[in-house]
Amino acid sequence: MSDIEYPMGYMTYEEFGRKFFDVAVSERRVGDAIGAIAGDEFQMGPIGQGPGGIAKVTAKVRVQTPRVTRHFGENFTFDIRIPLEINMVVDLKIDKPQFSVFGEIALQAVARAAEPLVLMLDVRKPHSRDISIQVTSRTLRAEVLRVMAGIDAEIKRFIAVHVGGEIDNPAAQQAKVINIAEMIDSTWTGI
């Protein structure tokens, strides 16, 4: 034994591992990682809607700060809510009604340990059912058009596809993996 004193006392390897996960995958860190993957904004469209795709839908989607809730159990799991603000225009050639859309993407993630010594955030891709939106329009004609053209469903589908693609892109893959062994090797100076 060494003469070095450890003011916090010793702990088991299992306790250390659990404590390490508790600190390493905090709600703030997961929120920051998801925010980096989601980005600040993206464009959608023009997307043809209605009979013959006559209506062209375009939208500017602004991604807000994710809200993360961590759950403890055998695994650390996370419920992630990403608020969205969407400005949407439907071009009918003769009229261009505008819509304000507020929405939220619901994601789930699990923090995992992997070989050789890697920390991973496994994020499930969203489906249309994981996206909720509230659409407001300025005119009755715009509201009827929105319902008849199935615009709500198309917005949800597009957002789900876009976010799924972002989760799969190479930069996002790197943001979800922390190689602890490499970090230790790069910082360990010895005694």
Protein backbone atom coordinates (compact mmCIF):
# COMPACT_ATOMS: atom_id res chain seq x y z
CA MET A 1 0.00 0.00 0.00
CA SER A 2 1.06 3.53 -0.64
CA ASP A 3 1.23 6.35 1.88
CA ILE A 4 -0.96 8.52 -0.36
CA GLU A 5 -4.22 9.57 1.27
CA TYR A 6 -7.43 9.65 -0.73
CA PRO A 7 -9.84 12.04 0.95
CA MET A 8 -12.92 10.50 -0.71
CA GLY A 9 -11.99 6.92 0.14
CA TYR A 10 -11.85 3.92 -2.09
CA MET A 11 -14.70 2.48 -4.11
CA THR A 12 -15.23 -0.72 -6.05
CA TYR A 13 -14.67 -0.89 -9.79
CA GLU A 14 -18.42 -1.26 -10.23
CA GLU A 15 -19.06 1.84 -8.12
CA PHE A 16 -16.43 3.72 -10.09
CA GLY A 17 -17.99 2.69 -13.41
CA ARG A 18 -21.45 3.75 -12.32
CA LYS A 19 -20.15 7.07 -10.97
CA PHE A 20 -18.17 7.62 -14.18
CA PHE A 21 -21.32 7.12 -16.29
CA ASP A 22 -23.26 9.40 -13.95
CA VAL A 23 -20.78 12.24 -14.57
CA ALA A 24 -19.92 11.51 -18.22
CA VAL A 25 -23.47 11.25 -19.58
CA SER A 26 -25.22 14.05 -17.74
CA GLU A 27 -28.39 15.63 -19.11
CA ARG A 28 -26.38 18.72 -20.10
CA ARG A 29 -23.76 16.74 -22.03
CA VAL A 30 -26.38 14.65 -23.83
CA GLY A 31 -28.35 17.82 -24.63
CA ASP A 32 -25.21 19.46 -26.05
CA ALA A 33 -24.43 16.39 -28.19
CA ILE A 34 -27.99 16.21 -29.52
CA GLY A 35 -27.99 19.95 -30.17
CA ALA A 36 -24.78 19.59 -32.20
CA ILE A 37 -26.34 16.77 -34.23
CA ALA A 38 -29.64 18.60 -34.80
CA GLY A 39 -28.05 21.90 -35.81
CA ASP A 40 -29.72 25.32 -35.71
CA GLU A 41 -31.99 25.28 -38.74
CA PHE A 42 -32.76 23.56 -42.01
CA GLN A 43 -34.91 24.10 -45.09
CA MET A 44 -37.50 21.74 -46.48
CA GLY A 45 -39.08 21.79 -49.90
CA PRO A 46 -40.42 22.74 -52.21
CA ILE A 47 -42.51 19.59 -51.83
CA GLY A 48 -45.43 18.96 -54.18
CA GLN A 49 -48.73 18.41 -52.33
CA GLY A 50 -52.35 17.89 -53.27
CA PRO A 51 -53.74 16.62 -56.59
CA GLY A 52 -50.91 16.42 -59.10
CA GLY A 53 -48.53 18.06 -56.61
CA ILE A 54 -49.90 21.45 -57.63
CA ALA A 55 -49.22 23.05 -54.23
CA LYS A 56 -45.51 23.53 -53.48
CA VAL A 57 -44.69 23.57 -49.78
CA THR A 58 -41.48 25.19 -48.50
CA ALA A 59 -40.50 25.69 -44.89
CA LYS A 60 -37.69 27.07 -42.78
CA VAL A 61 -37.25 25.00 -39.62
CA ARG A 62 -35.49 26.52 -36.60
CA VAL A 63 -34.28 24.01 -34.04
CA GLN A 64 -34.44 25.11 -30.41
CA THR A 65 -32.39 23.90 -27.41
CA PRO A 66 -33.12 20.24 -26.59
CA ARG A 67 -34.64 19.34 -23.22
CA VAL A 68 -33.27 16.11 -21.78
CA THR A 69 -34.56 13.92 -18.95
CA ARG A 70 -32.27 11.14 -17.73
CA HIS A 71 -33.66 7.91 -16.27
CA PHE A 72 -31.62 5.60 -14.07
CA GLY A 73 -31.91 1.84 -14.24
CA GLU A 74 -29.81 -0.97 -15.59
CA ASN A 75 -28.98 1.48 -18.40
CA PHE A 76 -28.95 5.25 -18.43
CA THR A 77 -31.75 6.22 -20.78
CA PHE A 78 -32.79 9.65 -21.98
CA ASP A 79 -36.01 11.21 -23.16
CA ILE A 80 -35.10 14.08 -25.45
CA ARG A 81 -37.50 16.78 -26.62
CA ILE A 82 -36.38 19.14 -29.37
CA PRO A 83 -38.70 22.13 -29.88
CA LEU A 84 -39.10 23.46 -33.43
CA GLU A 85 -40.36 26.69 -34.96
CA ILE A 86 -41.38 26.43 -38.59
CA ASN A 87 -42.34 29.17 -41.05
CA MET A 88 -44.13 27.52 -43.95
CA VAL A 89 -45.42 28.82 -47.28
CA VAL A 90 -47.70 26.95 -49.70
CA ASP A 91 -47.28 28.22 -53.25
CA LEU A 92 -50.49 27.72 -55.24
CA LYS A 93 -49.34 29.88 -58.20
CA ILE A 94 -52.27 32.26 -57.55
CA ASP A 95 -51.88 32.55 -53.79
CA LYS A 96 -49.14 31.88 -51.22
CA PRO A 97 -50.71 31.26 -47.81
CA GLN A 98 -48.30 31.28 -44.88
CA PHE A 99 -48.42 29.13 -41.78
CA SER A 100 -46.73 29.23 -38.40
CA VAL A 101 -45.90 25.83 -37.02
CA PHE A 102 -44.64 24.95 -33.57
CA GLY A 103 -43.55 21.41 -33.00
CA GLU A 104 -41.45 19.00 -31.04
CA ILE A 105 -39.37 15.96 -31.89
CA ALA A 106 -39.37 13.20 -29.27
CA LEU A 107 -36.19 11.12 -29.27
CA GLN A 108 -34.93 8.38 -27.03
CA ALA A 109 -31.32 7.48 -26.35
CA VAL A 110 -29.33 5.00 -24.28
CA ALA A 111 -25.78 5.48 -22.96
CA ARG A 112 -23.78 2.32 -23.66
CA ALA A 113 -20.32 1.03 -22.80
CA ALA A 114 -18.49 -0.80 -25.60
CA GLU A 115 -15.18 -2.50 -26.30
CA PRO A 116 -12.36 -1.72 -25.90
CA LEU A 117 -13.21 1.27 -23.67
CA VAL A 118 -15.79 3.37 -25.48
CA LEU A 119 -18.77 5.42 -24.33
CA MET A 120 -21.59 5.58 -26.90
CA LEU A 121 -24.86 7.46 -27.08
CA ASP A 122 -27.28 5.24 -29.01
CA VAL A 123 -30.03 7.51 -30.41
CA ARG A 124 -33.16 5.95 -31.89
CA LYS A 125 -34.28 7.52 -35.17
CA PRO A 126 -37.65 9.23 -34.97
CA HIS A 127 -40.77 8.23 -36.90
CA SER A 128 -43.56 10.57 -37.93
CA ARG A 129 -45.48 9.56 -34.79
CA ASP A 130 -42.59 10.95 -32.68
CA ILE A 131 -43.18 14.45 -34.04
CA SER A 132 -45.97 16.66 -32.80
CA ILE A 133 -46.91 19.91 -34.49
CA GLN A 134 -49.41 22.70 -34.04
CA VAL A 135 -50.18 24.62 -37.23
CA THR A 136 -51.83 28.02 -37.33
CA SER A 137 -52.88 29.85 -40.47
CA ARG A 138 -54.09 33.36 -41.09
CA THR A 139 -57.08 32.58 -43.33
CA LEU A 140 -59.86 30.04 -43.58
CA ARG A 141 -58.79 29.22 -47.15
CA ALA A 142 -55.27 28.44 -45.92
CA GLU A 143 -56.68 26.20 -43.18
CA VAL A 144 -58.84 24.26 -45.67
CA LEU A 145 -55.85 23.92 -48.00
CA ARG A 146 -53.68 22.59 -45.16
CA VAL A 147 -56.21 19.87 -44.32
CA MET A 148 -57.04 18.95 -47.94
CA ALA A 149 -53.39 18.72 -49.02
CA GLY A 150 -52.31 16.64 -45.99
CA ILE A 151 -49.60 19.14 -45.16
CA ASP A 152 -49.33 18.17 -41.47
CA ALA A 153 -48.45 14.56 -42.27
CA GLU A 154 -45.91 15.65 -44.87
CA ILE A 155 -44.19 18.01 -42.42
CA LYS A 156 -43.90 15.21 -39.85
CA ARG A 157 -42.61 12.75 -42.45
CA PHE A 158 -40.02 15.19 -43.78
CA ILE A 159 -38.74 16.12 -40.30
CA ALA A 160 -38.46 12.44 -39.33
CA VAL A 161 -36.48 11.66 -42.49
CA HIS A 162 -34.25 14.72 -42.06
CA VAL A 163 -33.46 14.00 -38.39
CA GLY A 164 -32.87 10.30 -39.18
CA GLY A 165 -30.37 11.34 -41.84
CA GLU A 166 -28.63 13.70 -39.41
CA ILE A 167 -28.34 10.91 -36.82
CA ASP A 168 -26.66 8.71 -39.46
CA ASN A 169 -24.25 11.27 -40.90
CA PRO A 170 -20.52 10.75 -40.19
CA ALA A 171 -20.14 13.88 -38.01
CA ALA A 172 -23.06 12.77 -35.83
CA GLN A 173 -21.62 9.28 -35.56
CA GLN A 174 -18.40 10.80 -34.21
CA ALA A 175 -20.30 13.06 -31.80
CA LYS A 176 -22.05 10.02 -30.29
CA VAL A 177 -18.82 8.10 -29.49
CA ILE A 178 -16.15 8.94 -26.94
CA ASN A 179 -13.08 6.70 -26.99
CA ILE A 180 -12.02 6.77 -23.34
CA ALA A 181 -8.89 4.66 -23.92
CA GLU A 182 -7.57 7.15 -26.51
CA MET A 183 -8.29 10.04 -24.17
CA ILE A 184 -6.42 8.36 -21.32
CA ASP A 185 -3.49 7.54 -23.63
CA SER A 186 -3.28 11.13 -24.82
CA THR A 187 -3.35 12.64 -21.32
CA TRP A 188 -1.48 10.10 -19.18
CA THR A 189 1.95 11.46 -18.33
CA GLY A 190 3.04 8.77 -15.94
CA ILE A 191 4.42 9.26 -12.48
